[in-house]
Structures are given as C-alpha cells and as structure tokens.
C-alpha atoms as a PDB file:
ATOM      1  CA  UNK A   1      -0.117   0.000   0.027  1.00  0.00           C
ATOM      2  CA  UNK A   2       2.747   2.299   1.164  1.00  0.00           C
ATOM      3  CA  UNK A   3       3.887   1.861  -2.507  1.00  0.00           C
ATOM      4  CA  UNK A   4       0.435   3.193  -4.073  1.00  0.00           C
ATOM      5  CA  UNK A   5       0.582   6.015  -1.738  1.00  0.00           C
ATOM      6  CA  UNK A   6       4.227   6.999  -3.304  1.00  0.00           C
ATOM      7  CA  UNK A   7       3.380   6.591  -6.713  1.00  0.00           C
ATOM      8  CA  UNK A   8       0.181   9.204  -6.126  1.00  0.00           C
ATOM      9  CA  UNK A   9       2.688  11.677  -4.510  1.00  0.00           C
ATOM     10  CA  UNK A  10       5.391  10.950  -6.868  1.00  0.00           C
ATOM     11  CA  UNK A  11       3.367  13.008  -9.590  1.00  0.00           C
ATOM     12  CA  UNK A  12       3.481  16.512  -7.533  1.00  0.00           C
ATOM     13  CA  UNK A  13       7.246  16.058  -5.651  1.00  0.00           C
ATOM     14  CA  UNK A  14      10.068  13.415  -4.762  1.00  0.00           C
ATOM     15  CA  UNK A  15      10.609  11.879  -1.723  1.00  0.00           C
ATOM     16  CA  UNK A  16      13.458  11.510   0.003  1.00  0.00           C
ATOM     17  CA  UNK A  17      14.271   8.068   1.788  1.00  0.00           C
ATOM     18  CA  UNK A  18      13.299  10.223   5.122  1.00  0.00           C
ATOM     19  CA  UNK A  19      10.288  11.908   4.076  1.00  0.00           C
ATOM     20  CA  UNK A  20       8.732   8.307   3.152  1.00  0.00           C
ATOM     21  CA  UNK A  21      10.142   6.857   6.534  1.00  0.00           C
ATOM     22  CA  UNK A  22       8.702  10.002   8.485  1.00  0.00           C
ATOM     23  CA  UNK A  23       4.707   9.039   6.157  1.00  0.00           C
ATOM     24  CA  UNK A  24       5.243   5.646   7.049  1.00  0.00           C
ATOM     25  CA  UNK A  25       6.246   6.645  10.789  1.00  0.00           C
ATOM     26  CA  UNK A  26       2.725   8.626  10.801  1.00  0.00           C
ATOM     27  CA  UNK A  27       0.043   7.473   8.169  1.00  0.00           C
ATOM     28  CA  UNK A  28      -2.644   5.180   9.717  1.00  0.00           C
ATOM     29  CA  UNK A  29      -3.595   2.746   6.787  1.00  0.00           C
ATOM     30  CA  UNK A  30      -7.220   0.705   7.734  1.00  0.00           C
ATOM     31  CA  UNK A  31      -8.466  -2.182   6.008  1.00  0.00           C
ATOM     32  CA  UNK A  32     -12.748  -1.394   6.462  1.00  0.00           C
ATOM     33  CA  UNK A  33     -15.041  -4.009   5.400  1.00  0.00           C
ATOM     34  CA  UNK A  34     -17.708  -3.077   3.044  1.00  0.00           C
ATOM     35  CA  UNK A  35     -20.769  -1.728   4.158  1.00  0.00           C
ATOM     36  CA  UNK A  36     -18.740   0.082   7.589  1.00  0.00           C
ATOM     37  CA  UNK A  37     -19.603   3.311   8.154  1.00  0.00           C
ATOM     38  CA  UNK A  38     -17.091   5.401   8.993  1.00  0.00           C
ATOM     39  CA  UNK A  39     -18.920   8.871  10.235  1.00  0.00           C
ATOM     40  CA  UNK A  40     -22.844   8.804  11.242  1.00  0.00           C
ATOM     41  CA  UNK A  41     -25.194  12.419  11.057  1.00  0.00           C
ATOM     42  CA  UNK A  42     -24.303  14.127  14.751  1.00  0.00           C
ATOM     43  CA  UNK A  43     -20.941  12.237  14.641  1.00  0.00           C
ATOM     44  CA  UNK A  44     -17.852  14.989  15.543  1.00  0.00           C
ATOM     45  CA  UNK A  45     -14.425  13.457  13.614  1.00  0.00           C
ATOM     46  CA  UNK A  46     -10.972  15.106  12.733  1.00  0.00           C
ATOM     47  CA  UNK A  47     -10.631  12.274  10.412  1.00  0.00           C
ATOM     48  CA  UNK A  48      -9.711  13.298   6.650  1.00  0.00           C
ATOM     49  CA  UNK A  49      -9.268   9.890   4.852  1.00  0.00           C
ATOM     50  CA  UNK A  50      -7.557   9.211   1.381  1.00  0.00           C
ATOM     51  CA  UNK A  51      -8.822   6.048  -0.485  1.00  0.00           C
ATOM     52  CA  UNK A  52      -5.995   3.346  -1.455  1.00  0.00           C
ATOM     53  CA  UNK A  53      -8.588   0.714  -2.685  1.00  0.00           C
ATOM     54  CA  UNK A  54     -12.006   0.662  -2.923  1.00  0.00           C
ATOM     55  CA  UNK A  55     -14.722   2.807  -2.761  1.00  0.00           C
ATOM     56  CA  UNK A  56     -16.373   5.104  -0.066  1.00  0.00           C
ATOM     57  CA  UNK A  57     -19.597   7.468  -0.511  1.00  0.00           C
ATOM     58  CA  UNK A  58     -21.151  10.415   1.598  1.00  0.00           C
ATOM     59  CA  UNK A  59     -24.798  10.257   1.873  1.00  0.00           C
ATOM     60  CA  UNK A  60     -27.661  11.931   3.396  1.00  0.00           C
ATOM     61  CA  UNK A  61     -31.049  10.189   4.524  1.00  0.00           C
ATOM     62  CA  UNK A  62     -33.815  12.303   3.989  1.00  0.00           C
ATOM     63  CA  UNK A  63     -37.207  11.199   4.413  1.00  0.00           C
ATOM     64  CA  UNK A  64     -36.117   7.648   4.853  1.00  0.00           C
ATOM     65  CA  UNK A  65     -34.292   7.841   1.393  1.00  0.00           C
ATOM     66  CA  UNK A  66     -30.404   7.330   0.873  1.00  0.00           C
ATOM     67  CA  UNK A  67     -29.414  10.939  -1.553  1.00  0.00           C
ATOM     68  CA  UNK A  68     -25.917   9.700  -2.791  1.00  0.00           C
ATOM     69  CA  UNK A  69     -23.857  12.886  -3.270  1.00  0.00           C
ATOM     70  CA  UNK A  70     -20.924  11.582  -3.744  1.00  0.00           C
ATOM     71  CA  UNK A  71     -17.843   8.375  -4.631  1.00  0.00           C
ATOM     72  CA  UNK A  72     -14.666   8.927  -3.520  1.00  0.00           C
ATOM     73  CA  UNK A  73     -12.282   5.896  -5.078  1.00  0.00           C
ATOM     74  CA  UNK A  74      -8.483   4.940  -6.094  1.00  0.00           C
ATOM     75  CA  UNK A  75      -6.359   8.248  -4.990  1.00  0.00           C
ATOM     76  CA  UNK A  76      -8.838  10.425  -4.339  1.00  0.00           C
ATOM     77  CA  UNK A  77      -9.271  12.279  -0.856  1.00  0.00           C
ATOM     78  CA  UNK A  78     -12.045  12.959   0.995  1.00  0.00           C
ATOM     79  CA  UNK A  79     -12.318  15.652   4.270  1.00  0.00           C
ATOM     80  CA  UNK A  80     -15.770  15.881   5.551  1.00  0.00           C
ATOM     81  CA  UNK A  81     -17.546  19.076   6.355  1.00  0.00           C
ATOM     82  CA  UNK A  82     -17.404  18.007  10.171  1.00  0.00           C
ATOM     83  CA  UNK A  83     -13.463  17.978  10.332  1.00  0.00           C
ATOM     84  CA  UNK A  84     -13.334  20.893   8.543  1.00  0.00           C
ATOM     85  CA  UNK A  85     -15.981  23.358  10.988  1.00  0.00           C
ATOM     86  CA  UNK A  86     -15.758  20.676  14.135  1.00  0.00           C
ATOM     87  CA  UNK A  87     -18.906  20.423  13.841  1.00  0.00           C
ATOM     88  CA  UNK A  88     -21.590  17.793  14.308  1.00  0.00           C
ATOM     89  CA  UNK A  89     -21.813  15.698  10.605  1.00  0.00           C
ATOM     90  CA  UNK A  90     -24.599  15.788   8.549  1.00  0.00           C
ATOM     91  CA  UNK A  91     -24.201  13.115   6.641  1.00  0.00           C
ATOM     92  CA  UNK A  92     -22.723   9.093   6.736  1.00  0.00           C
ATOM     93  CA  UNK A  93     -19.304   8.378   5.114  1.00  0.00           C
ATOM     94  CA  UNK A  94     -19.554   4.598   4.784  1.00  0.00           C
ATOM     95  CA  UNK A  95     -18.164   1.462   2.547  1.00  0.00           C
ATOM     96  CA  UNK A  96     -19.334   0.689  -0.867  1.00  0.00           C
ATOM     97  CA  UNK A  97     -16.484  -2.149  -0.990  1.00  0.00           C
ATOM     98  CA  UNK A  98     -14.005  -3.228   0.858  1.00  0.00           C
ATOM     99  CA  UNK A  99     -11.695  -0.446   1.202  1.00  0.00           C
ATOM    100  CA  UNK A 100      -8.071   0.429   2.656  1.00  0.00           C
ATOM    101  CA  UNK A 101      -8.112   4.363   3.105  1.00  0.00           C
ATOM    102  CA  UNK A 102      -4.897   6.462   4.641  1.00  0.00           C
ATOM    103  CA  UNK A 103      -6.205   8.538   7.771  1.00  0.00           C
ATOM    104  CA  UNK A 104      -4.869  11.763   8.675  1.00  0.00           C
ATOM    105  CA  UNK A 105      -6.012  14.485  11.191  1.00  0.00           C
ATOM    106  CA  UNK A 106      -4.929  18.249  11.850  1.00  0.00           C
ATOM    107  CA  UNK A 107      -2.298  16.859  14.117  1.00  0.00           C
ATOM    108  CA  UNK A 108      -0.369  14.222  11.915  1.00  0.00           C
ATOM    109  CA  UNK A 109      -0.486  16.805   9.015  1.00  0.00           C
ATOM    110  CA  UNK A 110       0.497  19.935  11.175  1.00  0.00           C
ATOM    111  CA  UNK A 111       3.457  17.147  12.475  1.00  0.00           C
ATOM    112  CA  UNK A 112       4.588  16.312   9.372  1.00  0.00           C
ATOM    113  CA  UNK A 113       4.288  19.475   7.382  1.00  0.00           C
ATOM    114  CA  UNK A 114       6.937  20.912  10.263  1.00  0.00           C
ATOM    115  CA  UNK A 115       9.067  18.227   9.461  1.00  0.00           C
ATOM    116  CA  UNK A 116       8.872  19.162   5.417  1.00  0.00           C
ATOM    117  CA  UNK A 117       7.272  21.740   4.544  1.00  0.00           C
ATOM    118  CA  UNK A 118       6.779  20.938   0.535  1.00  0.00           C
ATOM    119  CA  UNK A 119       4.491  18.521   1.762  1.00  0.00           C
ATOM    120  CA  UNK A 120       1.982  21.693   2.905  1.00  0.00           C
ATOM    121  CA  UNK A 121       1.931  23.257  -0.292  1.00  0.00           C
ATOM    122  CA  UNK A 122       1.394  19.953  -2.165  1.00  0.00           C
ATOM    123  CA  UNK A 123      -1.391  19.259  -0.619  1.00  0.00           C
ATOM    124  CA  UNK A 124      -2.759  23.166  -1.206  1.00  0.00           C
ATOM    125  CA  UNK A 125      -2.372  22.147  -4.821  1.00  0.00           C
ATOM    126  CA  UNK A 126      -3.965  18.273  -4.199  1.00  0.00           C
ATOM    127  CA  UNK A 127      -7.045  21.587  -2.889  1.00  0.00           C
ATOM    128  CA  UNK A 128      -7.251  23.090  -5.193  1.00  0.00           C
ATOM    129  CA  UNK A 129      -7.415  20.509  -7.710  1.00  0.00           C
ATOM    130  CA  UNK A 130     -10.410  18.529  -5.495  1.00  0.00           C
ATOM    131  CA  UNK A 131     -12.156  21.835  -5.679  1.00  0.00           C
ATOM    132  CA  UNK A 132     -12.012  22.717  -9.149  1.00  0.00           C
ATOM    133  CA  UNK A 133     -13.068  19.282  -9.915  1.00  0.00           C
ATOM    134  CA  UNK A 134     -16.256  19.370  -7.654  1.00  0.00           C
ATOM    135  CA  UNK A 135     -17.144  22.711  -9.105  1.00  0.00           C
ATOM    136  CA  UNK A 136     -17.466  21.226 -12.208  1.00  0.00           C
ATOM    137  CA  UNK A 137     -19.410  18.091 -10.987  1.00  0.00           C
ATOM    138  CA  UNK A 138     -21.630  20.326  -9.641  1.00  0.00           C
ATOM    139  CA  UNK A 139     -21.854  22.501 -12.639  1.00  0.00           C
ATOM    140  CA  UNK A 140     -22.511  19.643 -15.194  1.00  0.00           C
ATOM    141  CA  UNK A 141     -25.358  17.991 -13.167  1.00  0.00           C
ATOM    142  CA  UNK A 142     -27.319  21.420 -12.612  1.00  0.00           C
ATOM    143  CA  UNK A 143     -27.301  21.759 -16.598  1.00  0.00           C
ATOM    144  CA  UNK A 144     -27.468  18.433 -17.724  1.00  0.00           C
ATOM    145  CA  UNK A 145     -30.178  16.030 -17.910  1.00  0.00           C
ATOM    146  CA  UNK A 146     -30.138  12.502 -16.058  1.00  0.00           C
ATOM    147  CA  UNK A 147     -29.451  10.619 -19.402  1.00  0.00           C
ATOM    148  CA  UNK A 148     -26.530  13.184 -19.829  1.00  0.00           C
ATOM    149  CA  UNK A 149     -25.514  12.642 -16.070  1.00  0.00           C
ATOM    150  CA  UNK A 150     -25.267   9.040 -16.672  1.00  0.00           C
ATOM    151  CA  UNK A 151     -23.287   9.508 -19.764  1.00  0.00           C
ATOM    152  CA  UNK A 152     -20.933  11.239 -18.605  1.00  0.00           C
ATOM    153  CA  UNK A 153     -20.716   9.202 -15.523  1.00  0.00           C
ATOM    154  CA  UNK A 154     -19.694   5.857 -18.107  1.00  0.00           C
ATOM    155  CA  UNK A 155     -17.144   8.575 -19.645  1.00  0.00           C
ATOM    156  CA  UNK A 156     -15.487   9.784 -16.800  1.00  0.00           C
ATOM    157  CA  UNK A 157     -15.812   6.888 -14.098  1.00  0.00           C
ATOM    158  CA  UNK A 158     -17.066   3.603 -15.966  1.00  0.00           C
ATOM    159  CA  UNK A 159     -15.642   1.926 -12.522  1.00  0.00           C
ATOM    160  CA  UNK A 160     -18.560   3.031 -10.995  1.00  0.00           C
ATOM    161  CA  UNK A 161     -20.655   1.245 -13.106  1.00  0.00           C
ATOM    162  CA  UNK A 162     -19.650  -1.703 -12.155  1.00  0.00           C
ATOM    163  CA  UNK A 163     -18.484  -1.388  -8.666  1.00  0.00           C
ATOM    164  CA  UNK A 164     -21.768   0.325  -6.984  1.00  0.00           C
ATOM    165  CA  UNK A 165     -25.294  -1.038  -6.532  1.00  0.00           C
ATOM    166  CA  UNK A 166     -27.753   0.237  -9.134  1.00  0.00           C
ATOM    167  CA  UNK A 167     -30.073   2.388  -6.481  1.00  0.00           C
ATOM    168  CA  UNK A 168     -27.100   4.062  -4.860  1.00  0.00           C
ATOM    169  CA  UNK A 169     -25.811   5.162  -8.873  1.00  0.00           C
ATOM    170  CA  UNK A 170     -29.406   5.856  -8.948  1.00  0.00           C
ATOM    171  CA  UNK A 171     -29.540   8.291  -6.179  1.00  0.00           C
ATOM    172  CA  UNK A 172     -26.234  10.190  -7.317  1.00  0.00           C
ATOM    173  CA  UNK A 173     -27.503  10.489 -10.790  1.00  0.00           C
ATOM    174  CA  UNK A 174     -30.575  12.262  -8.952  1.00  0.00           C
ATOM    175  CA  UNK A 175     -33.471   9.120 -10.272  1.00  0.00           C
ATOM    176  CA  UNK A 176     -35.137   6.453  -9.169  1.00  0.00           C
ATOM    177  CA  UNK A 177     -33.470   2.932  -9.802  1.00  0.00           C
ATOM    178  CA  UNK A 178     -36.568   2.220 -12.368  1.00  0.00           C
ATOM    179  CA  UNK A 179     -35.489   5.518 -14.183  1.00  0.00           C
ATOM    180  CA  UNK A 180     -32.549   4.284 -14.368  1.00  0.00           C
ATOM    181  CA  UNK A 181     -32.940   0.875 -15.699  1.00  0.00           C
ATOM    182  CA  UNK A 182     -35.177   2.596 -18.419  1.00  0.00           C
ATOM    183  CA  UNK A 183     -32.840   4.768 -18.953  1.00  0.00           C
ATOM    184  CA  UNK A 184     -29.528   2.451 -19.501  1.00  0.00           C
ATOM    185  CA  UNK A 185     -32.240  -0.183 -21.459  1.00  0.00           C
ATOM    186  CA  UNK A 186     -32.899   3.669 -23.900  1.00  0.00           C
ATOM    187  CA  UNK A 187     -29.014   3.776 -24.129  1.00  0.00           C
ATOM    188  CA  UNK A 188     -28.257   0.241 -25.228  1.00  0.00           C
ATOM    189  CA  UNK A 189     -31.312   0.457 -28.210  1.00  0.00           C
ATOM    190  CA  UNK A 190     -29.757   3.361 -29.316  1.00  0.00           C
ATOM    191  CA  UNK A 191     -26.591   2.016 -29.741  1.00  0.00           C
ATOM    192  CA  UNK A 192     -27.659  -0.863 -30.878  1.00  0.00           C
ATOM    193  CA  UNK A 193     -29.233   0.941 -33.898  1.00  0.00           C
END
C-alpha cells in the first residue's frame, strides 16, 4: 500500500527516503469492510480519508430515503465538513466495497508539515484540484439531464458502473432505480441502431 501512496505523491513531488519513512511512521492505514460506516450524522470527527483501494460514498437520509452525493475511489481524498468546521456531521460516510484508506487528522498533518514544509504546498495544490473538480461536477450535474449525467458517468467514471449498486448510482444521478433501468435500456437500444 505504501508504494501506491508514494507513486501518487511522486506526481507532485519526489520523496526522499526520510520523507517516506516519516509518512509511514505517522500514517494510519486502515482496512475496512464493505458496508462499514466511517461517519454518521451527529458524530464529530477530525479524520480525513485518502482512498488507496476501494470505494466510499457520502449520503444523506432524507424522508427515509438515501441521497448519495459523492463517491470516492482510488487516489481520491475526502475531508468531511465536520472535520473542517469542528461541527457534527450532517451525513453518512460508508464503504461501498472493501476499502483501504489512509487516515489523517490535523495533528498528524501539522507534524508532517513542520518536518517537511513542501508537503503543505503539495496538499494545497491537491485541495485546489479537488475544489475545481467538485465545481465542474456540480455545474455538470445542475445543467444536464439524467441521461447526460449517466453518459458523463460512463465516460468519466466507468468503474462506478461496475462497483456501485444500482440504487446508489440512481440516487447519485438524482433519479429512481427504475428510471435508471429504463435509461440504460434506452441507451442500449440507441447504440444498437
């Protein structure tokens, strides 16, 4: 798992052996089973997650119905609002599949940043990339039809189609599972012509 993390970091900065050892000594790798809940509404947490393997999702329960708002897969980071605002969570974070995450919190981050200041600038660049990606995803969601959303998902994140249960995908797309089934059938029919 360390190599996966180091390969990802090497896209931004090259690591010395001391830096690698420091990351390993502070890093908290955690293996989680499918269905594990990482955060519940009302809970407080300082933890941020970096997915090394697997898939986690954010969802709300509104009027008894799950509303999925995001999926995070390999080499994606998630810092819950509760960790940033020091407030109770408003949503769930759970594992869609068996997952391995790297946990961090403000204390471990401060220790790494004090020893290796360039990590802080790398994290700033990563945060900017995440923010831009989320803004693009939000804009695409708000300006597209359910069919366009599904086609975008097929193009940009085809792995989710295979990994995520249909009811969670439908919720993420803002439609009912039956509508997703009809949508898939319609797209399949169009592609046959």
